[in-house]
Each structure stands twice: as structure tokens, then as C-alpha cells.
């Protein structure tokens, strides 16, 4: 038994206290000063650093890019780091994600920590394998809209500010527009307005442009996993971390959604054009074809 336990002891967790608010704020301020064109205020830099999570080994850093297979990637990263699958269960209060536990590993358990609260967190990124995931912008926009509609159906606090603003700003009628072509059009118009009027960091990261989540000139990812080829990404990730790929690799797949049945109803020519314009930088950076979805 002891031998088996030792064989699995491949990683450690954060047991000491996280960086205190003052030094954490100083890290955000320094990043803001270094990249004022990317972060309009220190809080925007802090938000970015909160999205980057590292293990206590500091061997890798994962940047969460919402609605792009992050749950599956984080499950695999847990297994590669610790040598065992993530089997702990937790119905996280106040979280509508069906696999919420993987997004709370940076909590009190200390499995991961945001770069913001790691001493010299920005400097630590330089020597870590920097990882993120991306998704075809059409699929991601559909998934983001579905998530927003789900929060309304559950009468949940998540995205409540967005739902209220959509009601006021673009006339989104929550009694008849969810999961409709017209509602999707209003959603895309709302995202464009918030970005134009308040800046990209005011857009929720689940539907913010991926290039504005990842900031590739700052984070400089070493490995980008595409939702369209998760098996290939998983194999490359295991190789880069010098860990064996789990035999039952499919078990890491998490929180998957299929939007094919919605396409004909939501993806009008006008909505496709709106996606091309809203996420133009993503199409250019990632090389996705707007017409292949």
C-alpha cells in the first residue's frame, strides 16, 4: 500500500498562504505599467493574472479561455501532474458548470494557484510550459450564447448583469428571445457594444475574443490545444510534460455540448457576418475559416 502511494506521489500542492493583497496588487500594477496598451487599469491586469493557473511544481501554466475545452484540459493536467485521475466530487454552490470542481482547484485545497497570488508569479511564467486551448469562433459563440440562456433558465446569479444589460441595451426579451436566431443576433450586437463602449476586459471571458483572453504577445503560449483535435493536444501535452498519457484518455473529456441542431435556427447569413466581424482577430490569429462551420 505504501509503495503504491509513493508511486503516485508525483506532485505537491500549495500548503502555505497565498500572496497577500498588497504584493498581489503590486504584481498587477507592474504588468499594467509594462503593457498599458493592453490593460487600461491595474484591475484589468489582475483579471488577466487570475486567469492563469499554476501547480506548486511551477512546471506549467494554464490560461483559462472560456468555452474552449478548459474543463477537459484541466482534468488531464491534474492527472499528468499527480499521476492519478481526478475523482473527488463537489457540487460547487453557486456554479452552473456541470464539471465545476475542475475550475475550483485553485481554491483552499491549493491544487493550483492563480499567477496573481504566487510570489514572482509573472517571472515564474517565463520558465513554465505555457498552455491554453482555443475553439472555432462560430462554435464558441454558439456555446457562449447557450450558456447565457441556461443561466436565465436557472434564474442564476451568473451573468445576471449581462442579462439585465441585454434587456436594456439591445431589447433582448428573455420571455421569447433565448435560443432563437433573433436572440442570437441581439446577443452578438450586445457583445460588440460592450466591447466598443467599455473595452474588451468588460466583456465576459466566456464570449470575449480569444485573442483578448490569451494575449499571445504577453502570455506567449508554448502549446495551444484546439477543441477540434483534443486527442492530438492531449498526446502533445503528455509528451511536453514527460508524463504517460492515460490509457483511458476519453475519461478526461468533460462538459461537452453539441450545437449542431441549433445551427440552422441560429446561424443566419446576418449572424455569420456578425461573428466574422466581432471575432475577426481570432479568425486571423488562429487561422480558422469562417465558412467551414
C-alpha atoms as a PDB file:
ATOM      1  CA  UNK A   1       0.000   0.000   0.000  1.00  0.00           C
ATOM      2  CA  UNK A   2       2.755   2.456   0.972  1.00  0.00           C
ATOM      3  CA  UNK A   3       4.649   1.579  -2.222  1.00  0.00           C
ATOM      4  CA  UNK A   4       1.575   2.265  -4.349  1.00  0.00           C
ATOM      5  CA  UNK A   5       1.020   5.576  -2.578  1.00  0.00           C
ATOM      6  CA  UNK A   6       4.627   6.604  -3.154  1.00  0.00           C
ATOM      7  CA  UNK A   7       4.356   5.718  -6.839  1.00  0.00           C
ATOM      8  CA  UNK A   8       1.540   8.203  -7.214  1.00  0.00           C
ATOM      9  CA  UNK A   9       3.216  10.994  -5.245  1.00  0.00           C
ATOM     10  CA  UNK A  10       4.264  12.851  -8.394  1.00  0.00           C
ATOM     11  CA  UNK A  11       3.324  16.345  -7.327  1.00  0.00           C
ATOM     12  CA  UNK A  12       2.839  18.626  -4.369  1.00  0.00           C
ATOM     13  CA  UNK A  13       0.212  21.213  -3.564  1.00  0.00           C
ATOM     14  CA  UNK A  14       0.307  24.737  -2.169  1.00  0.00           C
ATOM     15  CA  UNK A  15       0.114  24.414   1.625  1.00  0.00           C
ATOM     16  CA  UNK A  16       1.379  27.828   2.649  1.00  0.00           C
ATOM     17  CA  UNK A  17      -0.555  31.100   2.422  1.00  0.00           C
ATOM     18  CA  UNK A  18      -1.094  32.824  -0.891  1.00  0.00           C
ATOM     19  CA  UNK A  19       0.462  36.185  -1.652  1.00  0.00           C
ATOM     20  CA  UNK A  20      -1.173  38.922   0.410  1.00  0.00           C
ATOM     21  CA  UNK A  21      -3.371  41.541  -1.329  1.00  0.00           C
ATOM     22  CA  UNK A  22      -0.727  44.271  -1.282  1.00  0.00           C
ATOM     23  CA  UNK A  23       2.044  42.335  -3.072  1.00  0.00           C
ATOM     24  CA  UNK A  24      -0.525  40.768  -5.414  1.00  0.00           C
ATOM     25  CA  UNK A  25      -1.742  44.238  -6.374  1.00  0.00           C
ATOM     26  CA  UNK A  26       1.869  45.271  -6.937  1.00  0.00           C
ATOM     27  CA  UNK A  27       2.299  42.450  -9.449  1.00  0.00           C
ATOM     28  CA  UNK A  28      -0.804  43.597 -11.309  1.00  0.00           C
ATOM     29  CA  UNK A  29       0.392  47.214 -11.244  1.00  0.00           C
ATOM     30  CA  UNK A  30       3.766  46.203 -12.675  1.00  0.00           C
ATOM     31  CA  UNK A  31       2.105  44.282 -15.513  1.00  0.00           C
ATOM     32  CA  UNK A  32      -0.183  47.237 -16.196  1.00  0.00           C
ATOM     33  CA  UNK A  33       2.817  49.547 -16.366  1.00  0.00           C
ATOM     34  CA  UNK A  34       4.629  47.169 -18.721  1.00  0.00           C
ATOM     35  CA  UNK A  35       1.627  46.798 -21.067  1.00  0.00           C
ATOM     36  CA  UNK A  36      -0.523  49.933 -20.748  1.00  0.00           C
ATOM     37  CA  UNK A  37      -1.915  49.434 -24.245  1.00  0.00           C
ATOM     38  CA  UNK A  38      -3.331  46.041 -23.216  1.00  0.00           C
ATOM     39  CA  UNK A  39      -4.552  46.818 -19.714  1.00  0.00           C
ATOM     40  CA  UNK A  40      -6.390  50.076 -19.118  1.00  0.00           C
ATOM     41  CA  UNK A  41      -6.033  49.763 -15.333  1.00  0.00           C
ATOM     42  CA  UNK A  42      -4.265  47.540 -12.787  1.00  0.00           C
ATOM     43  CA  UNK A  43      -7.518  45.610 -12.191  1.00  0.00           C
ATOM     44  CA  UNK A  44      -7.544  44.559 -15.855  1.00  0.00           C
ATOM     45  CA  UNK A  45      -4.013  43.190 -15.423  1.00  0.00           C
ATOM     46  CA  UNK A  46      -5.120  41.462 -12.207  1.00  0.00           C
ATOM     47  CA  UNK A  47      -8.039  39.859 -14.048  1.00  0.00           C
ATOM     48  CA  UNK A  48      -5.612  38.515 -16.635  1.00  0.00           C
ATOM     49  CA  UNK A  49      -3.270  37.076 -13.980  1.00  0.00           C
ATOM     50  CA  UNK A  50      -6.231  35.454 -12.197  1.00  0.00           C
ATOM     51  CA  UNK A  51      -6.973  33.503 -15.380  1.00  0.00           C
ATOM     52  CA  UNK A  52      -3.530  31.833 -15.364  1.00  0.00           C
ATOM     53  CA  UNK A  53      -3.191  28.889 -13.002  1.00  0.00           C
ATOM     54  CA  UNK A  54      -0.045  27.015 -11.953  1.00  0.00           C
ATOM     55  CA  UNK A  55       0.711  23.940  -9.807  1.00  0.00           C
ATOM     56  CA  UNK A  56       3.144  24.027  -6.908  1.00  0.00           C
ATOM     57  CA  UNK A  57       5.794  22.462  -9.170  1.00  0.00           C
ATOM     58  CA  UNK A  58       5.594  25.572 -11.401  1.00  0.00           C
ATOM     59  CA  UNK A  59       6.316  23.293 -14.381  1.00  0.00           C
ATOM     60  CA  UNK A  60       3.345  24.563 -16.369  1.00  0.00           C
ATOM     61  CA  UNK A  61       0.850  27.393 -16.504  1.00  0.00           C
ATOM     62  CA  UNK A  62      -2.643  27.022 -17.931  1.00  0.00           C
ATOM     63  CA  UNK A  63      -4.588  30.049 -19.130  1.00  0.00           C
ATOM     64  CA  UNK A  64      -8.354  29.591 -18.977  1.00  0.00           C
ATOM     65  CA  UNK A  65     -10.038  30.622 -22.231  1.00  0.00           C
ATOM     66  CA  UNK A  66     -13.760  30.159 -21.574  1.00  0.00           C
ATOM     67  CA  UNK A  67     -15.851  27.821 -23.742  1.00  0.00           C
ATOM     68  CA  UNK A  68     -12.846  26.125 -25.332  1.00  0.00           C
ATOM     69  CA  UNK A  69     -12.484  22.730 -23.679  1.00  0.00           C
ATOM     70  CA  UNK A  70     -10.950  24.073 -20.470  1.00  0.00           C
ATOM     71  CA  UNK A  71     -12.675  21.528 -18.229  1.00  0.00           C
ATOM     72  CA  UNK A  72     -11.242  18.580 -20.184  1.00  0.00           C
ATOM     73  CA  UNK A  73      -7.781  20.147 -20.334  1.00  0.00           C
ATOM     74  CA  UNK A  74      -7.716  20.810 -16.603  1.00  0.00           C
ATOM     75  CA  UNK A  75      -8.767  17.235 -15.816  1.00  0.00           C
ATOM     76  CA  UNK A  76      -5.899  15.906 -17.894  1.00  0.00           C
ATOM     77  CA  UNK A  77      -3.435  18.356 -16.365  1.00  0.00           C
ATOM     78  CA  UNK A  78      -4.440  17.148 -12.901  1.00  0.00           C
ATOM     79  CA  UNK A  79      -3.730  13.549 -13.901  1.00  0.00           C
ATOM     80  CA  UNK A  80      -0.427  14.369 -15.581  1.00  0.00           C
ATOM     81  CA  UNK A  81       0.697  16.398 -12.565  1.00  0.00           C
ATOM     82  CA  UNK A  82      -0.323  13.963  -9.809  1.00  0.00           C
ATOM     83  CA  UNK A  83      -0.328  10.601 -11.576  1.00  0.00           C
ATOM     84  CA  UNK A  84      -3.915   9.786 -10.615  1.00  0.00           C
ATOM     85  CA  UNK A  85      -7.287  10.709 -12.147  1.00  0.00           C
ATOM     86  CA  UNK A  86      -9.372  13.438 -10.553  1.00  0.00           C
ATOM     87  CA  UNK A  87     -12.134  11.508  -8.773  1.00  0.00           C
ATOM     88  CA  UNK A  88     -13.079  13.923  -5.988  1.00  0.00           C
ATOM     89  CA  UNK A  89     -16.706  15.095  -6.223  1.00  0.00           C
ATOM     90  CA  UNK A  90     -18.036  18.531  -5.364  1.00  0.00           C
ATOM     91  CA  UNK A  91     -21.255  20.193  -6.403  1.00  0.00           C
ATOM     92  CA  UNK A  92     -19.851  23.687  -6.046  1.00  0.00           C
ATOM     93  CA  UNK A  93     -22.504  26.031  -4.622  1.00  0.00           C
ATOM     94  CA  UNK A  94     -23.321  28.859  -6.981  1.00  0.00           C
ATOM     95  CA  UNK A  95     -21.634  27.313 -10.040  1.00  0.00           C
ATOM     96  CA  UNK A  96     -23.649  26.186 -13.072  1.00  0.00           C
ATOM     97  CA  UNK A  97     -20.766  24.374 -14.749  1.00  0.00           C
ATOM     98  CA  UNK A  98     -21.557  20.665 -14.903  1.00  0.00           C
ATOM     99  CA  UNK A  99     -17.922  19.890 -14.021  1.00  0.00           C
ATOM    100  CA  UNK A 100     -17.375  22.758 -11.615  1.00  0.00           C
ATOM    101  CA  UNK A 101     -14.758  21.063  -9.438  1.00  0.00           C
ATOM    102  CA  UNK A 102     -12.056  21.359 -12.101  1.00  0.00           C
ATOM    103  CA  UNK A 103     -12.457  25.140 -12.041  1.00  0.00           C
ATOM    104  CA  UNK A 104     -12.071  25.368  -8.265  1.00  0.00           C
ATOM    105  CA  UNK A 105      -8.760  23.568  -7.859  1.00  0.00           C
ATOM    106  CA  UNK A 106      -7.173  26.957  -7.190  1.00  0.00           C
ATOM    107  CA  UNK A 107      -9.236  27.283  -4.011  1.00  0.00           C
ATOM    108  CA  UNK A 108      -8.375  26.346  -0.423  1.00  0.00           C
ATOM    109  CA  UNK A 109      -7.123  22.868  -1.416  1.00  0.00           C
ATOM    110  CA  UNK A 110      -4.114  24.536  -3.023  1.00  0.00           C
ATOM    111  CA  UNK A 111      -4.027  22.212  -6.026  1.00  0.00           C
ATOM    112  CA  UNK A 112      -3.413  25.234  -8.271  1.00  0.00           C
ATOM    113  CA  UNK A 113      -2.973  28.949  -7.714  1.00  0.00           C
ATOM    114  CA  UNK A 114      -3.560  31.978  -9.928  1.00  0.00           C
ATOM    115  CA  UNK A 115      -0.369  33.673 -11.068  1.00  0.00           C
ATOM    116  CA  UNK A 116      -1.627  36.832  -9.330  1.00  0.00           C
ATOM    117  CA  UNK A 117      -1.114  35.361  -5.837  1.00  0.00           C
ATOM    118  CA  UNK A 118       2.112  33.452  -6.481  1.00  0.00           C
ATOM    119  CA  UNK A 119       5.278  35.281  -5.369  1.00  0.00           C
ATOM    120  CA  UNK A 120       7.084  36.403  -8.531  1.00  0.00           C
ATOM    121  CA  UNK A 121       4.189  34.925 -10.452  1.00  0.00           C
ATOM    122  CA  UNK A 122       4.885  36.807 -13.694  1.00  0.00           C
ATOM    123  CA  UNK A 123       8.545  35.770 -13.602  1.00  0.00           C
ATOM    124  CA  UNK A 124       7.519  32.149 -12.917  1.00  0.00           C
ATOM    125  CA  UNK A 125       5.701  32.107 -16.245  1.00  0.00           C
ATOM    126  CA  UNK A 126       8.978  32.529 -18.095  1.00  0.00           C
ATOM    127  CA  UNK A 127      10.232  29.063 -17.141  1.00  0.00           C
ATOM    128  CA  UNK A 128       6.859  27.264 -17.238  1.00  0.00           C
ATOM    129  CA  UNK A 129       5.291  25.421 -20.159  1.00  0.00           C
ATOM    130  CA  UNK A 130       2.556  27.890 -21.093  1.00  0.00           C
ATOM    131  CA  UNK A 131      -0.661  26.166 -22.194  1.00  0.00           C
ATOM    132  CA  UNK A 132      -4.075  27.253 -23.385  1.00  0.00           C
ATOM    133  CA  UNK A 133      -6.956  25.994 -25.520  1.00  0.00           C
ATOM    134  CA  UNK A 134      -8.938  27.557 -28.360  1.00  0.00           C
ATOM    135  CA  UNK A 135     -12.054  26.837 -30.383  1.00  0.00           C
ATOM    136  CA  UNK A 136     -13.579  27.758 -33.723  1.00  0.00           C
ATOM    137  CA  UNK A 137     -15.172  31.184 -33.118  1.00  0.00           C
ATOM    138  CA  UNK A 138     -18.539  30.104 -34.576  1.00  0.00           C
ATOM    139  CA  UNK A 139     -18.794  27.106 -32.249  1.00  0.00           C
ATOM    140  CA  UNK A 140     -17.602  29.160 -29.310  1.00  0.00           C
ATOM    141  CA  UNK A 141     -20.155  31.929 -29.918  1.00  0.00           C
ATOM    142  CA  UNK A 142     -22.939  29.354 -30.056  1.00  0.00           C
ATOM    143  CA  UNK A 143     -21.703  27.736 -26.854  1.00  0.00           C
ATOM    144  CA  UNK A 144     -21.434  31.095 -25.077  1.00  0.00           C
ATOM    145  CA  UNK A 145     -24.989  32.038 -26.046  1.00  0.00           C
ATOM    146  CA  UNK A 146     -26.251  28.642 -24.886  1.00  0.00           C
ATOM    147  CA  UNK A 147     -24.506  29.103 -21.523  1.00  0.00           C
ATOM    148  CA  UNK A 148     -26.054  32.542 -21.103  1.00  0.00           C
ATOM    149  CA  UNK A 149     -29.530  31.227 -21.911  1.00  0.00           C
ATOM    150  CA  UNK A 150     -29.028  28.386 -19.465  1.00  0.00           C
ATOM    151  CA  UNK A 151     -28.204  30.846 -16.683  1.00  0.00           C
ATOM    152  CA  UNK A 152     -31.514  32.608 -17.357  1.00  0.00           C
ATOM    153  CA  UNK A 153     -33.464  29.346 -17.346  1.00  0.00           C
ATOM    154  CA  UNK A 154     -31.956  28.523 -13.960  1.00  0.00           C
ATOM    155  CA  UNK A 155     -32.612  32.081 -12.707  1.00  0.00           C
ATOM    156  CA  UNK A 156     -28.989  32.003 -11.642  1.00  0.00           C
ATOM    157  CA  UNK A 157     -26.821  34.857 -10.449  1.00  0.00           C
ATOM    158  CA  UNK A 158     -24.185  34.124 -13.076  1.00  0.00           C
ATOM    159  CA  UNK A 159     -24.321  36.632 -15.949  1.00  0.00           C
ATOM    160  CA  UNK A 160     -27.240  38.457 -14.302  1.00  0.00           C
ATOM    161  CA  UNK A 161     -25.656  41.832 -15.056  1.00  0.00           C
ATOM    162  CA  UNK A 162     -25.269  40.850 -18.707  1.00  0.00           C
ATOM    163  CA  UNK A 163     -28.850  39.621 -18.879  1.00  0.00           C
ATOM    164  CA  UNK A 164     -30.141  42.885 -17.428  1.00  0.00           C
ATOM    165  CA  UNK A 165     -27.979  44.996 -19.722  1.00  0.00           C
ATOM    166  CA  UNK A 166     -29.038  42.980 -22.770  1.00  0.00           C
ATOM    167  CA  UNK A 167     -32.657  43.591 -21.811  1.00  0.00           C
ATOM    168  CA  UNK A 168     -31.996  47.343 -21.609  1.00  0.00           C
ATOM    169  CA  UNK A 169     -29.393  47.915 -24.321  1.00  0.00           C
ATOM    170  CA  UNK A 170     -30.462  45.686 -27.222  1.00  0.00           C
ATOM    171  CA  UNK A 171     -34.067  44.924 -26.350  1.00  0.00           C
ATOM    172  CA  UNK A 172     -33.405  41.271 -25.573  1.00  0.00           C
ATOM    173  CA  UNK A 173     -36.739  39.854 -24.437  1.00  0.00           C
ATOM    174  CA  UNK A 174     -35.992  36.999 -22.049  1.00  0.00           C
ATOM    175  CA  UNK A 175     -39.524  35.676 -22.476  1.00  0.00           C
ATOM    176  CA  UNK A 176     -39.081  34.966 -26.196  1.00  0.00           C
ATOM    177  CA  UNK A 177     -35.516  35.576 -27.478  1.00  0.00           C
ATOM    178  CA  UNK A 178     -33.454  32.808 -25.785  1.00  0.00           C
ATOM    179  CA  UNK A 179     -32.185  30.167 -28.232  1.00  0.00           C
ATOM    180  CA  UNK A 180     -33.597  31.978 -31.276  1.00  0.00           C
ATOM    181  CA  UNK A 181     -31.964  33.496 -34.363  1.00  0.00           C
ATOM    182  CA  UNK A 182     -33.135  36.968 -33.387  1.00  0.00           C
ATOM    183  CA  UNK A 183     -31.929  36.488 -29.832  1.00  0.00           C
ATOM    184  CA  UNK A 184     -28.517  35.340 -31.059  1.00  0.00           C
ATOM    185  CA  UNK A 185     -28.326  38.443 -33.261  1.00  0.00           C
ATOM    186  CA  UNK A 186     -29.067  40.666 -30.264  1.00  0.00           C
ATOM    187  CA  UNK A 187     -26.502  38.807 -28.164  1.00  0.00           C
ATOM    188  CA  UNK A 188     -23.777  39.397 -30.770  1.00  0.00           C
ATOM    189  CA  UNK A 189     -24.771  43.047 -31.049  1.00  0.00           C
ATOM    190  CA  UNK A 190     -24.630  43.386 -27.271  1.00  0.00           C
ATOM    191  CA  UNK A 191     -21.120  41.887 -27.085  1.00  0.00           C
ATOM    192  CA  UNK A 192     -19.955  44.286 -29.799  1.00  0.00           C
ATOM    193  CA  UNK A 193     -21.455  47.267 -27.961  1.00  0.00           C
ATOM    194  CA  UNK A 194     -19.907  46.397 -24.607  1.00  0.00           C
ATOM    195  CA  UNK A 195     -16.519  45.959 -26.246  1.00  0.00           C
ATOM    196  CA  UNK A 196     -16.788  49.270 -28.108  1.00  0.00           C
ATOM    197  CA  UNK A 197     -18.178  51.295 -25.212  1.00  0.00           C
ATOM    198  CA  UNK A 198     -16.408  49.789 -22.191  1.00  0.00           C
ATOM    199  CA  UNK A 199     -13.374  47.943 -23.571  1.00  0.00           C
ATOM    200  CA  UNK A 200     -12.561  44.298 -24.137  1.00  0.00           C
ATOM    201  CA  UNK A 201     -11.907  43.496 -20.461  1.00  0.00           C
ATOM    202  CA  UNK A 202     -15.529  44.470 -19.704  1.00  0.00           C
ATOM    203  CA  UNK A 203     -16.729  41.636 -21.947  1.00  0.00           C
ATOM    204  CA  UNK A 204     -17.298  38.372 -20.077  1.00  0.00           C
ATOM    205  CA  UNK A 205     -14.407  35.972 -20.867  1.00  0.00           C
ATOM    206  CA  UNK A 206     -16.840  33.266 -21.996  1.00  0.00           C
ATOM    207  CA  UNK A 207     -17.597  35.349 -25.108  1.00  0.00           C
ATOM    208  CA  UNK A 208     -14.712  37.806 -25.163  1.00  0.00           C
ATOM    209  CA  UNK A 209     -12.478  37.356 -28.225  1.00  0.00           C
ATOM    210  CA  UNK A 210      -9.973  34.582 -27.567  1.00  0.00           C
ATOM    211  CA  UNK A 211      -7.010  36.738 -28.539  1.00  0.00           C
ATOM    212  CA  UNK A 212      -8.134  39.202 -25.860  1.00  0.00           C
ATOM    213  CA  UNK A 213      -8.340  36.428 -23.257  1.00  0.00           C
ATOM    214  CA  UNK A 214      -4.983  34.879 -24.089  1.00  0.00           C
ATOM    215  CA  UNK A 215      -2.980  37.998 -25.037  1.00  0.00           C
ATOM    216  CA  UNK A 216      -0.464  35.880 -27.003  1.00  0.00           C
ATOM    217  CA  UNK A 217       2.108  38.669 -27.125  1.00  0.00           C
ATOM    218  CA  UNK A 218       2.143  38.658 -23.300  1.00  0.00           C
ATOM    219  CA  UNK A 219       1.351  35.072 -22.279  1.00  0.00           C
ATOM    220  CA  UNK A 220       3.215  33.641 -25.305  1.00  0.00           C
ATOM    221  CA  UNK A 221       1.686  30.133 -25.252  1.00  0.00           C
ATOM    222  CA  UNK A 222       4.044  27.240 -25.926  1.00  0.00           C
ATOM    223  CA  UNK A 223       1.179  24.849 -26.601  1.00  0.00           C
ATOM    224  CA  UNK A 224      -2.280  25.684 -27.942  1.00  0.00           C
ATOM    225  CA  UNK A 225      -4.874  22.921 -27.861  1.00  0.00           C
ATOM    226  CA  UNK A 226      -7.709  23.082 -30.378  1.00  0.00           C
ATOM    227  CA  UNK A 227     -11.082  21.693 -29.375  1.00  0.00           C
ATOM    228  CA  UNK A 228     -11.317  20.215 -32.868  1.00  0.00           C
ATOM    229  CA  UNK A 229      -8.323  17.948 -32.106  1.00  0.00           C
ATOM    230  CA  UNK A 230      -8.285  17.307 -28.384  1.00  0.00           C
ATOM    231  CA  UNK A 231      -6.710  13.809 -28.726  1.00  0.00           C
ATOM    232  CA  UNK A 232      -3.757  15.327 -30.575  1.00  0.00           C
ATOM    233  CA  UNK A 233      -3.472  18.087 -27.991  1.00  0.00           C
ATOM    234  CA  UNK A 234      -3.615  15.595 -25.107  1.00  0.00           C
ATOM    235  CA  UNK A 235      -0.841  13.489 -26.667  1.00  0.00           C
ATOM    236  CA  UNK A 236       1.372  16.534 -27.228  1.00  0.00           C
ATOM    237  CA  UNK A 237       0.691  17.810 -23.702  1.00  0.00           C
ATOM    238  CA  UNK A 238       1.743  14.493 -22.145  1.00  0.00           C
ATOM    239  CA  UNK A 239       4.892  14.460 -24.276  1.00  0.00           C
ATOM    240  CA  UNK A 240       5.844  18.021 -23.384  1.00  0.00           C
ATOM    241  CA  UNK A 241       5.362  17.312 -19.661  1.00  0.00           C
ATOM    242  CA  UNK A 242       7.180  13.963 -19.976  1.00  0.00           C
ATOM    243  CA  UNK A 243       4.285  12.036 -18.486  1.00  0.00           C
ATOM    244  CA  UNK A 244       2.476   8.951 -19.812  1.00  0.00           C
ATOM    245  CA  UNK A 245      -0.843   9.678 -21.493  1.00  0.00           C
ATOM    246  CA  UNK A 246      -3.661   7.945 -19.559  1.00  0.00           C
ATOM    247  CA  UNK A 247      -4.838   4.820 -21.362  1.00  0.00           C
ATOM    248  CA  UNK A 248      -8.484   5.705 -20.815  1.00  0.00           C
ATOM    249  CA  UNK A 249      -7.908   9.140 -22.261  1.00  0.00           C
ATOM    250  CA  UNK A 250     -11.582   9.710 -23.081  1.00  0.00           C
ATOM    251  CA  UNK A 251     -12.473   9.981 -19.403  1.00  0.00           C
ATOM    252  CA  UNK A 252     -10.876  13.419 -19.285  1.00  0.00           C
ATOM    253  CA  UNK A 253     -13.449  14.723 -21.769  1.00  0.00           C
ATOM    254  CA  UNK A 254     -15.762  16.954 -19.793  1.00  0.00           C
ATOM    255  CA  UNK A 255     -18.707  19.298 -20.080  1.00  0.00           C
ATOM    256  CA  UNK A 256     -19.193  18.606 -23.782  1.00  0.00           C
ATOM    257  CA  UNK A 257     -22.012  20.205 -25.745  1.00  0.00           C
ATOM    258  CA  UNK A 258     -23.316  19.566 -29.257  1.00  0.00           C
ATOM    259  CA  UNK A 259     -24.804  22.568 -31.029  1.00  0.00           C
ATOM    260  CA  UNK A 260     -25.350  21.028 -34.457  1.00  0.00           C
ATOM    261  CA  UNK A 261     -29.124  21.017 -34.050  1.00  0.00           C
ATOM    262  CA  UNK A 262     -29.079  24.770 -33.327  1.00  0.00           C
ATOM    263  CA  UNK A 263     -27.096  25.846 -36.383  1.00  0.00           C
ATOM    264  CA  UNK A 264     -29.886  26.087 -38.920  1.00  0.00           C
ATOM    265  CA  UNK A 265     -32.002  28.064 -36.460  1.00  0.00           C
ATOM    266  CA  UNK A 266     -29.308  30.458 -35.221  1.00  0.00           C
ATOM    267  CA  UNK A 267     -26.713  30.831 -37.941  1.00  0.00           C
ATOM    268  CA  UNK A 268     -28.432  33.116 -40.417  1.00  0.00           C
ATOM    269  CA  UNK A 269     -26.291  34.892 -43.000  1.00  0.00           C
ATOM    270  CA  UNK A 270     -26.505  38.073 -40.908  1.00  0.00           C
ATOM    271  CA  UNK A 271     -25.384  36.294 -37.752  1.00  0.00           C
ATOM    272  CA  UNK A 272     -22.492  34.641 -39.569  1.00  0.00           C
ATOM    273  CA  UNK A 273     -21.421  38.065 -40.808  1.00  0.00           C
ATOM    274  CA  UNK A 274     -21.662  39.457 -37.267  1.00  0.00           C
ATOM    275  CA  UNK A 275     -19.438  36.646 -35.945  1.00  0.00           C
ATOM    276  CA  UNK A 276     -16.891  37.264 -38.711  1.00  0.00           C
ATOM    277  CA  UNK A 277     -16.716  40.929 -37.758  1.00  0.00           C
ATOM    278  CA  UNK A 278     -16.814  40.526 -33.981  1.00  0.00           C
ATOM    279  CA  UNK A 279     -14.160  37.804 -33.891  1.00  0.00           C
ATOM    280  CA  UNK A 280     -12.109  38.888 -36.908  1.00  0.00           C
ATOM    281  CA  UNK A 281      -8.887  38.952 -34.873  1.00  0.00           C
ATOM    282  CA  UNK A 282      -9.456  35.359 -33.734  1.00  0.00           C
ATOM    283  CA  UNK A 283     -10.040  34.126 -37.281  1.00  0.00           C
ATOM    284  CA  UNK A 284      -6.831  35.827 -38.423  1.00  0.00           C
ATOM    285  CA  UNK A 285      -4.676  34.751 -35.467  1.00  0.00           C
ATOM    286  CA  UNK A 286      -5.859  31.142 -35.265  1.00  0.00           C
ATOM    287  CA  UNK A 287      -6.437  30.523 -38.957  1.00  0.00           C
ATOM    288  CA  UNK A 288      -9.993  29.252 -38.657  1.00  0.00           C
ATOM    289  CA  UNK A 289     -12.189  29.516 -41.747  1.00  0.00           C
ATOM    290  CA  UNK A 290     -15.455  31.376 -41.020  1.00  0.00           C
ATOM    291  CA  UNK A 291     -17.232  29.322 -43.686  1.00  0.00           C
ATOM    292  CA  UNK A 292     -16.329  25.798 -42.542  1.00  0.00           C
ATOM    293  CA  UNK A 293     -18.924  25.727 -39.770  1.00  0.00           C
END
